[in-house]
Amino acid sequence: MYVKRNYGFWMTFNWSKWPFIIGVLYSGVICITFYFLDINFHVPWQPLSVIGIAVAFYLGFKNNSAYDRTWEARKIWGSIVNNSRSFGANVLAFVQGEDKEVIQKELIYRHLAWLTSLRHQLRLRREWEHTEDRIKGLYSPTVCEDYYEKLDAQLMTFISKEEIDLLNLKSNMATQILATQSIRLQELREKGYFEDFRHMEFNHLVISFYEDQGKSERIKNFPFPRQYASTALWLTMVFCILLPFGMLDIFQKFNGLLMILCPMVSGLLTWIYFLMEKIGDYSENPFEGTYNDVPITSIARTIEIDLREMINDDNIPEPTTAENGFLL
């Protein structure tokens, strides 16, 4: 997630410059051919403008749908924040006994292990995602995590190596951590650390964590329907291919240097349309590990700080800071 007030113009242009460059060169060839060879192959601007309006409406539909996916992901993780704080407060209030501090720390640490595992799983590669930008780190090359190598090391902070070894045998570690947490809560109930009513409250929170995990996985594992995404791209390409011929209909009345405006205007319009398409394309996948993601690493760190402060823990980490304006 970009946290500064605005993307810089040159940053935006550098990210999306190739449609402009190709559009200027393509239109320049057509305009030069028209001007020097006097071949009249322009297209009337009026019907072409109708096509442009239709493409713009379609891009608007795609971008709105893509934004809905991003905003839904942010709401899901907002729910995880709220439920995690409730879980921490309940652990402090409900768990009683001589060694309650040890039990409280165990439960909260296992919850933090679930958060860690979930956010790593959500950043794993999917075929339809823009992982080439994540790997290269287009503007901020150091912020993306090496998910495979760092997961076990981070889990060791919260749970035992024996538990991690068992989890590594499972296909969905986050799911199994919550299952272990549920079993442990039942054991604590049987040992008298809390009564049935409070155990039911814990169980409701575990269910809510499963629901939030499932909602996140739905966005992660179900891509924005490719027929909509692909059609937006092809319609944009068709319009931009025809665009220089429509520009000739407008600029053919001018002579000399004014004809230079024809490829420049065509390139600018091509850039605008492809920029709109690309913004929607990069908003479809809010967990892919690029610069427009929902900042789940930062959110998880905020939860960790809150819960560890509840139990007066040591060595509490600092909040995640933005690097080059990007917060993951």
C-alpha atoms as a PDB file:
ATOM      1  CA  MET A   1       0.000   0.000   0.000  1.00  0.00           C
ATOM      2  CA  TYR A   2       1.334   3.421  -0.958  1.00  0.00           C
ATOM      3  CA  VAL A   3       1.095   5.734   2.050  1.00  0.00           C
ATOM      4  CA  LYS A   4       2.297   9.092   0.743  1.00  0.00           C
ATOM      5  CA  ARG A   5      -0.270  11.680  -0.318  1.00  0.00           C
ATOM      6  CA  ASN A   6       0.078  11.143  -4.073  1.00  0.00           C
ATOM      7  CA  TYR A   7       1.996   8.993  -6.486  1.00  0.00           C
ATOM      8  CA  GLY A   8       4.503  11.206  -8.267  1.00  0.00           C
ATOM      9  CA  PHE A   9       3.721  11.846 -11.923  1.00  0.00           C
ATOM     10  CA  TRP A  10       7.037  10.466 -13.115  1.00  0.00           C
ATOM     11  CA  MET A  11       6.664   7.413 -10.907  1.00  0.00           C
ATOM     12  CA  THR A  12       3.258   6.783 -12.465  1.00  0.00           C
ATOM     13  CA  PHE A  13       4.564   7.455 -15.949  1.00  0.00           C
ATOM     14  CA  ASN A  14       7.594   5.211 -15.478  1.00  0.00           C
ATOM     15  CA  TRP A  15       5.279   2.416 -14.334  1.00  0.00           C
ATOM     16  CA  SER A  16       3.080   2.762 -17.419  1.00  0.00           C
ATOM     17  CA  LYS A  17       5.316   4.384 -20.035  1.00  0.00           C
ATOM     18  CA  TRP A  18       5.368   1.672 -22.706  1.00  0.00           C
ATOM     19  CA  PRO A  19       1.822   2.246 -24.008  1.00  0.00           C
ATOM     20  CA  PHE A  20       2.715   5.925 -24.514  1.00  0.00           C
ATOM     21  CA  ILE A  21       5.999   5.151 -26.281  1.00  0.00           C
ATOM     22  CA  ILE A  22       4.502   2.473 -28.499  1.00  0.00           C
ATOM     23  CA  GLY A  23       1.444   4.647 -29.164  1.00  0.00           C
ATOM     24  CA  VAL A  24       3.572   7.601 -30.310  1.00  0.00           C
ATOM     25  CA  LEU A  25       5.742   5.426 -32.549  1.00  0.00           C
ATOM     26  CA  TYR A  26       2.795   3.560 -34.042  1.00  0.00           C
ATOM     27  CA  SER A  27       0.811   6.732 -34.649  1.00  0.00           C
ATOM     28  CA  GLY A  28       3.914   8.477 -35.985  1.00  0.00           C
ATOM     29  CA  VAL A  29       4.355   5.845 -38.687  1.00  0.00           C
ATOM     30  CA  ILE A  30       0.717   6.221 -39.729  1.00  0.00           C
ATOM     31  CA  CYS A  31       0.824  10.030 -39.725  1.00  0.00           C
ATOM     32  CA  ILE A  32       4.110  10.160 -41.673  1.00  0.00           C
ATOM     33  CA  THR A  33       2.741   7.723 -44.236  1.00  0.00           C
ATOM     34  CA  PHE A  34      -0.412   9.827 -44.598  1.00  0.00           C
ATOM     35  CA  TYR A  35       1.496  13.127 -44.818  1.00  0.00           C
ATOM     36  CA  PHE A  36       4.272  12.194 -47.255  1.00  0.00           C
ATOM     37  CA  LEU A  37       2.533   9.556 -49.389  1.00  0.00           C
ATOM     38  CA  ASP A  38      -0.785  11.375 -49.390  1.00  0.00           C
ATOM     39  CA  ILE A  39      -2.729   8.171 -48.729  1.00  0.00           C
ATOM     40  CA  ASN A  40      -6.130   8.983 -47.326  1.00  0.00           C
ATOM     41  CA  PHE A  41      -6.956   6.202 -44.887  1.00  0.00           C
ATOM     42  CA  HIS A  42      -8.453   8.125 -41.972  1.00  0.00           C
ATOM     43  CA  VAL A  43     -11.458   6.884 -39.980  1.00  0.00           C
ATOM     44  CA  PRO A  44     -14.315   9.268 -39.121  1.00  0.00           C
ATOM     45  CA  TRP A  45     -13.846  10.402 -35.548  1.00  0.00           C
ATOM     46  CA  GLN A  46     -17.521  10.268 -34.529  1.00  0.00           C
ATOM     47  CA  PRO A  47     -18.009   6.463 -34.614  1.00  0.00           C
ATOM     48  CA  LEU A  48     -14.532   5.956 -33.152  1.00  0.00           C
ATOM     49  CA  SER A  49     -15.385   8.231 -30.242  1.00  0.00           C
ATOM     50  CA  VAL A  50     -18.434   6.053 -29.516  1.00  0.00           C
ATOM     51  CA  ILE A  51     -16.112   3.041 -29.298  1.00  0.00           C
ATOM     52  CA  GLY A  52     -13.860   4.991 -26.937  1.00  0.00           C
ATOM     53  CA  ILE A  53     -16.800   5.833 -24.678  1.00  0.00           C
ATOM     54  CA  ALA A  54     -17.873   2.181 -24.604  1.00  0.00           C
ATOM     55  CA  VAL A  55     -14.334   1.077 -23.712  1.00  0.00           C
ATOM     56  CA  ALA A  56     -14.140   3.719 -20.971  1.00  0.00           C
ATOM     57  CA  PHE A  57     -17.405   2.477 -19.448  1.00  0.00           C
ATOM     58  CA  TYR A  58     -16.136  -1.099 -19.535  1.00  0.00           C
ATOM     59  CA  LEU A  59     -12.849  -0.093 -17.891  1.00  0.00           C
ATOM     60  CA  GLY A  60     -14.842   1.730 -15.228  1.00  0.00           C
ATOM     61  CA  PHE A  61     -16.818  -1.440 -14.504  1.00  0.00           C
ATOM     62  CA  LYS A  62     -13.616  -3.475 -14.269  1.00  0.00           C
ATOM     63  CA  ASN A  63     -11.883  -0.962 -12.006  1.00  0.00           C
ATOM     64  CA  ASN A  64     -14.876  -0.723  -9.665  1.00  0.00           C
ATOM     65  CA  SER A  65     -15.018  -4.508  -9.397  1.00  0.00           C
ATOM     66  CA  ALA A  66     -11.274  -4.723  -8.770  1.00  0.00           C
ATOM     67  CA  TYR A  67     -11.487  -2.028  -6.090  1.00  0.00           C
ATOM     68  CA  ASP A  68     -14.300  -3.971  -4.399  1.00  0.00           C
ATOM     69  CA  ARG A  69     -11.936  -6.937  -4.025  1.00  0.00           C
ATOM     70  CA  THR A  70      -9.282  -4.745  -2.428  1.00  0.00           C
ATOM     71  CA  TRP A  71     -11.734  -3.046  -0.097  1.00  0.00           C
ATOM     72  CA  GLU A  72     -13.293  -6.367   0.920  1.00  0.00           C
ATOM     73  CA  ALA A  73      -9.818  -7.679   1.770  1.00  0.00           C
ATOM     74  CA  ARG A  74      -9.190  -4.623   3.938  1.00  0.00           C
ATOM     75  CA  LYS A  75     -12.505  -5.133   5.759  1.00  0.00           C
ATOM     76  CA  ILE A  76     -11.642  -8.778   6.386  1.00  0.00           C
ATOM     77  CA  TRP A  77      -8.352  -7.820   7.997  1.00  0.00           C
ATOM     78  CA  GLY A  78     -10.085  -5.097   9.960  1.00  0.00           C
ATOM     79  CA  SER A  79     -12.288  -7.859  11.372  1.00  0.00           C
ATOM     80  CA  ILE A  80      -9.175  -9.902  12.208  1.00  0.00           C
ATOM     81  CA  VAL A  81      -7.800  -6.903  14.138  1.00  0.00           C
ATOM     82  CA  ASN A  82     -10.996  -6.486  16.151  1.00  0.00           C
ATOM     83  CA  ASN A  83     -11.456 -10.182  16.885  1.00  0.00           C
ATOM     84  CA  SER A  84      -7.788 -10.585  17.813  1.00  0.00           C
ATOM     85  CA  ARG A  85      -8.024  -7.804  20.365  1.00  0.00           C
ATOM     86  CA  SER A  86     -11.185  -9.385  21.754  1.00  0.00           C
ATOM     87  CA  PHE A  87      -9.398 -12.727  21.972  1.00  0.00           C
ATOM     88  CA  GLY A  88      -6.492 -11.165  23.860  1.00  0.00           C
ATOM     89  CA  ALA A  89      -8.798  -9.389  26.297  1.00  0.00           C
ATOM     90  CA  ASN A  90     -10.750 -12.606  26.889  1.00  0.00           C
ATOM     91  CA  VAL A  91      -7.570 -14.568  27.503  1.00  0.00           C
ATOM     92  CA  LEU A  92      -6.581 -12.083  30.207  1.00  0.00           C
ATOM     93  CA  ALA A  93     -10.032 -11.997  31.794  1.00  0.00           C
ATOM     94  CA  PHE A  94     -11.119 -15.630  31.507  1.00  0.00           C
ATOM     95  CA  VAL A  95      -8.015 -17.741  32.166  1.00  0.00           C
ATOM     96  CA  GLN A  96      -7.524 -18.266  35.891  1.00  0.00           C
ATOM     97  CA  GLY A  97      -5.224 -20.461  37.975  1.00  0.00           C
ATOM     98  CA  GLU A  98      -1.813 -20.482  39.589  1.00  0.00           C
ATOM     99  CA  ASP A  99       0.071 -20.560  36.285  1.00  0.00           C
ATOM    100  CA  LYS A 100      -2.349 -18.380  34.371  1.00  0.00           C
ATOM    101  CA  GLU A 101       0.414 -16.105  33.050  1.00  0.00           C
ATOM    102  CA  VAL A 102       2.068 -19.047  31.296  1.00  0.00           C
ATOM    103  CA  ILE A 103      -1.230 -20.212  29.808  1.00  0.00           C
ATOM    104  CA  GLN A 104      -2.165 -16.699  28.692  1.00  0.00           C
ATOM    105  CA  LYS A 105       1.168 -16.269  26.938  1.00  0.00           C
ATOM    106  CA  GLU A 106       0.827 -19.672  25.258  1.00  0.00           C
ATOM    107  CA  LEU A 107      -2.635 -18.892  23.863  1.00  0.00           C
ATOM    108  CA  ILE A 108      -1.702 -15.438  22.635  1.00  0.00           C
ATOM    109  CA  TYR A 109       1.537 -16.661  21.087  1.00  0.00           C
ATOM    110  CA  ARG A 110      -0.287 -19.427  19.244  1.00  0.00           C
ATOM    111  CA  HIS A 111      -2.707 -16.857  17.895  1.00  0.00           C
ATOM    112  CA  LEU A 112       0.244 -14.786  16.665  1.00  0.00           C
ATOM    113  CA  ALA A 113       1.599 -17.929  15.015  1.00  0.00           C
ATOM    114  CA  TRP A 114      -1.729 -18.263  13.184  1.00  0.00           C
ATOM    115  CA  LEU A 115      -1.474 -14.658  11.988  1.00  0.00           C
ATOM    116  CA  THR A 116       2.088 -15.225  10.806  1.00  0.00           C
ATOM    117  CA  SER A 117       1.218 -18.403   8.936  1.00  0.00           C
ATOM    118  CA  LEU A 118      -1.891 -16.882   7.357  1.00  0.00           C
ATOM    119  CA  ARG A 119      -0.165 -13.812   5.974  1.00  0.00           C
ATOM    120  CA  HIS A 120       2.639 -15.948   4.553  1.00  0.00           C
ATOM    121  CA  GLN A 121       0.116 -18.245   2.872  1.00  0.00           C
ATOM    122  CA  LEU A 122      -1.713 -15.284   1.389  1.00  0.00           C
ATOM    123  CA  ARG A 123       1.507 -14.056  -0.223  1.00  0.00           C
ATOM    124  CA  LEU A 124       2.330 -17.298  -2.014  1.00  0.00           C
ATOM    125  CA  ARG A 125       2.396 -17.146  -5.798  1.00  0.00           C
ATOM    126  CA  ARG A 126      -0.653 -17.637  -7.984  1.00  0.00           C
ATOM    127  CA  GLU A 127      -0.469 -17.969 -11.758  1.00  0.00           C
ATOM    128  CA  TRP A 128      -2.643 -14.937 -12.458  1.00  0.00           C
ATOM    129  CA  GLU A 129      -0.792 -12.558 -10.117  1.00  0.00           C
ATOM    130  CA  HIS A 130       1.920 -10.000 -10.939  1.00  0.00           C
ATOM    131  CA  THR A 131       4.678 -11.876  -9.171  1.00  0.00           C
ATOM    132  CA  GLU A 132       7.325 -10.528 -11.536  1.00  0.00           C
ATOM    133  CA  ASP A 133       6.912  -7.104  -9.928  1.00  0.00           C
ATOM    134  CA  ARG A 134       6.989  -8.622  -6.447  1.00  0.00           C
ATOM    135  CA  ILE A 135      10.221 -10.471  -7.183  1.00  0.00           C
ATOM    136  CA  LYS A 136      11.933  -7.527  -8.848  1.00  0.00           C
ATOM    137  CA  GLY A 137      10.612  -5.058  -6.294  1.00  0.00           C
ATOM    138  CA  LEU A 138       9.946  -2.440  -8.935  1.00  0.00           C
ATOM    139  CA  TYR A 139      10.163   0.600  -6.644  1.00  0.00           C
ATOM    140  CA  SER A 140      10.931  -0.894  -3.252  1.00  0.00           C
ATOM    141  CA  PRO A 141      13.059  -4.006  -3.712  1.00  0.00           C
ATOM    142  CA  THR A 142      13.652  -4.866  -0.057  1.00  0.00           C
ATOM    143  CA  VAL A 143      10.184  -4.944   1.484  1.00  0.00           C
ATOM    144  CA  CYS A 144       8.842  -8.235   0.091  1.00  0.00           C
ATOM    145  CA  GLU A 145       9.446 -11.256   2.245  1.00  0.00           C
ATOM    146  CA  ASP A 146      11.036 -14.537   1.293  1.00  0.00           C
ATOM    147  CA  TYR A 147       7.995 -16.472   2.440  1.00  0.00           C
ATOM    148  CA  TYR A 148       9.366 -20.005   2.345  1.00  0.00           C
ATOM    149  CA  GLU A 149      12.627 -19.427   4.225  1.00  0.00           C
ATOM    150  CA  LYS A 150      11.373 -17.013   6.869  1.00  0.00           C
ATOM    151  CA  LEU A 151       8.135 -18.713   7.949  1.00  0.00           C
ATOM    152  CA  ASP A 152       9.615 -21.397  10.209  1.00  0.00           C
ATOM    153  CA  ALA A 153      12.029 -18.911  11.764  1.00  0.00           C
ATOM    154  CA  GLN A 154       9.190 -16.536  12.595  1.00  0.00           C
ATOM    155  CA  LEU A 155       6.959 -19.308  13.939  1.00  0.00           C
ATOM    156  CA  MET A 156       9.757 -20.392  16.293  1.00  0.00           C
ATOM    157  CA  THR A 157       9.188 -17.103  18.122  1.00  0.00           C
ATOM    158  CA  PHE A 158       5.680 -18.189  19.092  1.00  0.00           C
ATOM    159  CA  ILE A 159       5.364 -21.986  19.172  1.00  0.00           C
ATOM    160  CA  SER A 160       7.610 -24.967  19.821  1.00  0.00           C
ATOM    161  CA  LYS A 161       9.715 -26.725  17.219  1.00  0.00           C
ATOM    162  CA  GLU A 162       7.770 -29.936  17.790  1.00  0.00           C
ATOM    163  CA  GLU A 163       4.517 -28.180  16.919  1.00  0.00           C
ATOM    164  CA  ILE A 164       6.132 -26.614  13.839  1.00  0.00           C
ATOM    165  CA  ASP A 165       7.385 -30.014  12.669  1.00  0.00           C
ATOM    166  CA  LEU A 166       3.840 -31.372  12.860  1.00  0.00           C
ATOM    167  CA  LEU A 167       2.484 -28.342  11.021  1.00  0.00           C
ATOM    168  CA  ASN A 168       4.989 -28.774   8.194  1.00  0.00           C
ATOM    169  CA  LEU A 169       3.289 -32.063   7.363  1.00  0.00           C
ATOM    170  CA  LYS A 170       0.006 -30.241   6.686  1.00  0.00           C
ATOM    171  CA  SER A 171      -1.112 -28.462   3.524  1.00  0.00           C
ATOM    172  CA  ASN A 172      -2.713 -25.508   5.342  1.00  0.00           C
ATOM    173  CA  MET A 173      -0.701 -24.514   8.396  1.00  0.00           C
ATOM    174  CA  ALA A 174      -2.977 -21.678   9.472  1.00  0.00           C
ATOM    175  CA  THR A 175      -5.981 -23.995   9.581  1.00  0.00           C
ATOM    176  CA  GLN A 176      -4.097 -26.532  11.692  1.00  0.00           C
ATOM    177  CA  ILE A 177      -2.850 -23.892  14.133  1.00  0.00           C
ATOM    178  CA  LEU A 178      -6.427 -22.855  14.862  1.00  0.00           C
ATOM    179  CA  ALA A 179      -7.380 -26.509  15.249  1.00  0.00           C
ATOM    180  CA  THR A 180      -4.559 -26.944  17.767  1.00  0.00           C
ATOM    181  CA  GLN A 181      -5.719 -23.807  19.555  1.00  0.00           C
ATOM    182  CA  SER A 182      -9.257 -25.180  19.775  1.00  0.00           C
ATOM    183  CA  ILE A 183      -8.045 -28.500  21.179  1.00  0.00           C
ATOM    184  CA  ARG A 184      -5.874 -26.694  23.718  1.00  0.00           C
ATOM    185  CA  LEU A 185      -8.815 -24.551  24.855  1.00  0.00           C
ATOM    186  CA  GLN A 186     -10.842 -27.708  25.448  1.00  0.00           C
ATOM    187  CA  GLU A 187      -7.994 -29.166  27.514  1.00  0.00           C
ATOM    188  CA  LEU A 188      -7.839 -26.005  29.607  1.00  0.00           C
ATOM    189  CA  ARG A 189     -11.586 -26.139  30.135  1.00  0.00           C
ATOM    190  CA  GLU A 190     -11.332 -29.709  31.387  1.00  0.00           C
ATOM    191  CA  LYS A 191      -8.559 -28.661  33.786  1.00  0.00           C
ATOM    192  CA  GLY A 192     -10.743 -25.892  35.203  1.00  0.00           C
ATOM    193  CA  TYR A 193      -8.964 -22.787  33.926  1.00  0.00           C
ATOM    194  CA  PHE A 194     -12.365 -21.406  32.846  1.00  0.00           C
ATOM    195  CA  GLU A 195     -15.951 -22.637  32.797  1.00  0.00           C
ATOM    196  CA  ASP A 196     -18.299 -23.636  29.965  1.00  0.00           C
ATOM    197  CA  PHE A 197     -19.662 -20.160  29.205  1.00  0.00           C
ATOM    198  CA  ARG A 198     -16.192 -18.672  28.734  1.00  0.00           C
ATOM    199  CA  HIS A 199     -15.138 -21.692  26.712  1.00  0.00           C
ATOM    200  CA  MET A 200     -18.065 -21.023  24.361  1.00  0.00           C
ATOM    201  CA  GLU A 201     -16.893 -17.424  23.966  1.00  0.00           C
ATOM    202  CA  PHE A 202     -13.426 -18.643  23.021  1.00  0.00           C
ATOM    203  CA  ASN A 203     -14.983 -21.084  20.556  1.00  0.00           C
ATOM    204  CA  HIS A 204     -16.977 -18.297  18.896  1.00  0.00           C
ATOM    205  CA  LEU A 205     -13.785 -16.316  18.395  1.00  0.00           C
ATOM    206  CA  VAL A 206     -12.016 -19.313  16.860  1.00  0.00           C
ATOM    207  CA  ILE A 207     -14.958 -19.690  14.474  1.00  0.00           C
ATOM    208  CA  SER A 208     -14.680 -16.003  13.544  1.00  0.00           C
ATOM    209  CA  PHE A 209     -10.961 -16.482  12.794  1.00  0.00           C
ATOM    210  CA  TYR A 210     -11.797 -19.408  10.534  1.00  0.00           C
ATOM    211  CA  GLU A 211     -14.388 -17.251   8.759  1.00  0.00           C
ATOM    212  CA  ASP A 212     -11.916 -14.414   8.197  1.00  0.00           C
ATOM    213  CA  GLN A 213      -9.290 -16.862   6.987  1.00  0.00           C
ATOM    214  CA  GLY A 214     -11.771 -18.432   4.572  1.00  0.00           C
ATOM    215  CA  LYS A 215     -12.815 -15.044   3.219  1.00  0.00           C
ATOM    216  CA  SER A 216      -9.176 -14.094   2.653  1.00  0.00           C
ATOM    217  CA  GLU A 217      -8.500 -17.404   0.916  1.00  0.00           C
ATOM    218  CA  ARG A 218     -11.536 -16.886  -1.305  1.00  0.00           C
ATOM    219  CA  ILE A 219     -10.063 -13.644  -2.639  1.00  0.00           C
ATOM    220  CA  LYS A 220      -6.596 -15.161  -2.889  1.00  0.00           C
ATOM    221  CA  ASN A 221      -7.572 -18.375  -4.656  1.00  0.00           C
ATOM    222  CA  PHE A 222     -10.404 -17.146  -6.879  1.00  0.00           C
ATOM    223  CA  PRO A 223      -9.092 -14.669  -9.466  1.00  0.00           C
ATOM    224  CA  PHE A 224     -11.036 -11.765 -10.884  1.00  0.00           C
ATOM    225  CA  PRO A 225     -12.961 -13.548 -13.689  1.00  0.00           C
ATOM    226  CA  ARG A 226     -10.556 -13.726 -16.579  1.00  0.00           C
ATOM    227  CA  GLN A 227     -13.232 -13.133 -19.210  1.00  0.00           C
ATOM    228  CA  TYR A 228     -13.822  -9.647 -17.795  1.00  0.00           C
ATOM    229  CA  ALA A 229     -10.130  -8.891 -17.334  1.00  0.00           C
ATOM    230  CA  SER A 230      -9.176 -10.174 -20.789  1.00  0.00           C
ATOM    231  CA  THR A 231     -12.010  -8.390 -22.582  1.00  0.00           C
ATOM    232  CA  ALA A 232     -10.989  -5.076 -21.047  1.00  0.00           C
ATOM    233  CA  LEU A 233      -7.457  -5.547 -22.361  1.00  0.00           C
ATOM    234  CA  TRP A 234      -8.508  -6.541 -25.882  1.00  0.00           C
ATOM    235  CA  LEU A 235     -11.075  -3.758 -26.204  1.00  0.00           C
ATOM    236  CA  THR A 236      -8.463  -1.236 -25.116  1.00  0.00           C
ATOM    237  CA  MET A 237      -6.028  -2.584 -27.686  1.00  0.00           C
ATOM    238  CA  VAL A 238      -8.599  -2.468 -30.509  1.00  0.00           C
ATOM    239  CA  PHE A 239      -9.542   1.120 -29.693  1.00  0.00           C
ATOM    240  CA  CYS A 240      -5.916   2.242 -29.476  1.00  0.00           C
ATOM    241  CA  ILE A 241      -5.069   0.542 -32.789  1.00  0.00           C
ATOM    242  CA  LEU A 242      -7.859   2.490 -34.492  1.00  0.00           C
ATOM    243  CA  LEU A 243      -7.128   5.715 -32.616  1.00  0.00           C
ATOM    244  CA  PRO A 244      -4.446   7.190 -34.935  1.00  0.00           C
ATOM    245  CA  PHE A 245      -6.755   6.824 -37.941  1.00  0.00           C
ATOM    246  CA  GLY A 246      -9.386   8.840 -36.084  1.00  0.00           C
ATOM    247  CA  MET A 247      -6.776  11.444 -35.167  1.00  0.00           C
ATOM    248  CA  LEU A 248      -5.988  11.832 -38.876  1.00  0.00           C
ATOM    249  CA  ASP A 249      -9.621  12.776 -39.450  1.00  0.00           C
ATOM    250  CA  ILE A 250      -9.115  15.680 -37.040  1.00  0.00           C
ATOM    251  CA  PHE A 251      -5.567  16.738 -37.936  1.00  0.00           C
ATOM    252  CA  GLN A 252      -5.658  16.325 -41.720  1.00  0.00           C
ATOM    253  CA  LYS A 253      -6.874  19.887 -42.041  1.00  0.00           C
ATOM    254  CA  PHE A 254      -3.588  21.111 -40.577  1.00  0.00           C
ATOM    255  CA  ASN A 255      -0.293  21.287 -42.416  1.00  0.00           C
ATOM    256  CA  GLY A 256       3.321  21.386 -41.404  1.00  0.00           C
ATOM    257  CA  LEU A 257       4.318  21.350 -37.767  1.00  0.00           C
ATOM    258  CA  LEU A 258       0.758  20.974 -36.483  1.00  0.00           C
ATOM    259  CA  MET A 259       0.744  17.429 -37.853  1.00  0.00           C
ATOM    260  CA  ILE A 260       3.328  16.610 -35.167  1.00  0.00           C
ATOM    261  CA  LEU A 261       0.464  16.837 -32.656  1.00  0.00           C
ATOM    262  CA  CYS A 262      -1.268  13.846 -34.236  1.00  0.00           C
ATOM    263  CA  PRO A 263       1.102  11.114 -32.907  1.00  0.00           C
ATOM    264  CA  MET A 264       1.570  12.952 -29.601  1.00  0.00           C
ATOM    265  CA  VAL A 265      -2.171  13.187 -28.938  1.00  0.00           C
ATOM    266  CA  SER A 266      -2.675   9.589 -30.062  1.00  0.00           C
ATOM    267  CA  GLY A 267       0.115   8.416 -27.745  1.00  0.00           C
ATOM    268  CA  LEU A 268      -1.332  10.397 -24.852  1.00  0.00           C
ATOM    269  CA  LEU A 269      -4.805   8.909 -25.299  1.00  0.00           C
ATOM    270  CA  THR A 270      -3.320   5.433 -25.668  1.00  0.00           C
ATOM    271  CA  TRP A 271      -1.414   5.946 -22.411  1.00  0.00           C
ATOM    272  CA  ILE A 272      -4.553   7.141 -20.585  1.00  0.00           C
ATOM    273  CA  TYR A 273      -6.629   4.128 -21.631  1.00  0.00           C
ATOM    274  CA  PHE A 274      -3.920   1.587 -20.874  1.00  0.00           C
ATOM    275  CA  LEU A 275      -3.200   3.308 -17.552  1.00  0.00           C
ATOM    276  CA  MET A 276      -6.844   2.882 -16.539  1.00  0.00           C
ATOM    277  CA  GLU A 277      -6.715  -0.765 -17.589  1.00  0.00           C
ATOM    278  CA  LYS A 278      -3.481  -1.376 -15.710  1.00  0.00           C
ATOM    279  CA  ILE A 279      -4.724   0.233 -12.495  1.00  0.00           C
ATOM    280  CA  GLY A 280      -7.670  -2.144 -12.461  1.00  0.00           C
ATOM    281  CA  ASP A 281      -5.407  -5.054 -13.322  1.00  0.00           C
ATOM    282  CA  TYR A 282      -3.118  -4.337 -10.362  1.00  0.00           C
ATOM    283  CA  SER A 283      -6.034  -3.875  -7.952  1.00  0.00           C
ATOM    284  CA  GLU A 284      -7.538  -7.316  -8.512  1.00  0.00           C
ATOM    285  CA  ASN A 285      -5.209  -9.225  -6.182  1.00  0.00           C
ATOM    286  CA  PRO A 286      -4.795  -7.512  -2.795  1.00  0.00           C
ATOM    287  CA  PHE A 287      -2.486 -10.204  -1.372  1.00  0.00           C
ATOM    288  CA  GLU A 288       0.012 -10.677  -4.211  1.00  0.00           C
ATOM    289  CA  GLY A 289       2.922  -8.883  -2.535  1.00  0.00           C
ATOM    290  CA  THR A 290       3.145  -5.793  -4.722  1.00  0.00           C
ATOM    291  CA  TYR A 291       2.901  -2.099  -3.952  1.00  0.00           C
ATOM    292  CA  ASN A 292      -0.914  -1.768  -4.030  1.00  0.00           C
ATOM    293  CA  ASP A 293      -1.549  -4.625  -1.579  1.00  0.00           C
ATOM    294  CA  VAL A 294      -3.572  -4.544   1.585  1.00  0.00           C
ATOM    295  CA  PRO A 295      -0.735  -4.104   4.143  1.00  0.00           C
ATOM    296  CA  ILE A 296      -1.278  -7.378   6.002  1.00  0.00           C
ATOM    297  CA  THR A 297       2.298  -7.466   7.350  1.00  0.00           C
ATOM    298  CA  SER A 298       1.792  -4.074   8.982  1.00  0.00           C
ATOM    299  CA  ILE A 299      -1.664  -5.050  10.273  1.00  0.00           C
ATOM    300  CA  ALA A 300      -0.335  -8.297  11.725  1.00  0.00           C
ATOM    301  CA  ARG A 301       2.480  -6.381  13.457  1.00  0.00           C
ATOM    302  CA  THR A 302      -0.085  -3.991  14.982  1.00  0.00           C
ATOM    303  CA  ILE A 303      -2.032  -6.964  16.355  1.00  0.00           C
ATOM    304  CA  GLU A 304       1.177  -8.508  17.712  1.00  0.00           C
ATOM    305  CA  ILE A 305       2.098  -5.308  19.537  1.00  0.00           C
ATOM    306  CA  ASP A 306      -1.379  -4.953  21.051  1.00  0.00           C
ATOM    307  CA  LEU A 307      -1.583  -8.552  22.277  1.00  0.00           C
ATOM    308  CA  ARG A 308       1.955  -8.730  23.633  1.00  0.00           C
ATOM    309  CA  GLU A 309       1.460  -5.462  25.490  1.00  0.00           C
ATOM    310  CA  MET A 310      -1.643  -6.983  27.096  1.00  0.00           C
ATOM    311  CA  ILE A 311       0.505  -9.637  28.766  1.00  0.00           C
ATOM    312  CA  ASN A 312       3.376  -7.205  29.503  1.00  0.00           C
ATOM    313  CA  ASP A 313       5.698  -9.185  27.266  1.00  0.00           C
ATOM    314  CA  ASP A 314       9.370  -8.430  26.663  1.00  0.00           C
ATOM    315  CA  ASN A 315      11.085  -7.342  23.446  1.00  0.00           C
ATOM    316  CA  ILE A 316       7.910  -6.074  21.795  1.00  0.00           C
ATOM    317  CA  PRO A 317       8.713  -5.121  18.188  1.00  0.00           C
ATOM    318  CA  GLU A 318       8.258  -1.677  16.704  1.00  0.00           C
ATOM    319  CA  PRO A 319       5.438  -0.974  14.217  1.00  0.00           C
ATOM    320  CA  THR A 320       6.219  -1.728  10.601  1.00  0.00           C
ATOM    321  CA  THR A 321       7.396   1.387   8.758  1.00  0.00           C
ATOM    322  CA  ALA A 322       6.966   2.273   5.107  1.00  0.00           C
ATOM    323  CA  GLU A 323       9.948   1.854   2.790  1.00  0.00           C
ATOM    324  CA  ASN A 324      10.113   4.237  -0.151  1.00  0.00           C
ATOM    325  CA  GLY A 325       6.485   5.121   0.563  1.00  0.00           C
ATOM    326  CA  PHE A 326       5.222   1.506   0.464  1.00  0.00           C
ATOM    327  CA  LEU A 327       3.765  -0.392   3.409  1.00  0.00           C
ATOM    328  CA  LEU A 328       3.241  -4.134   3.165  1.00  0.00           C
END
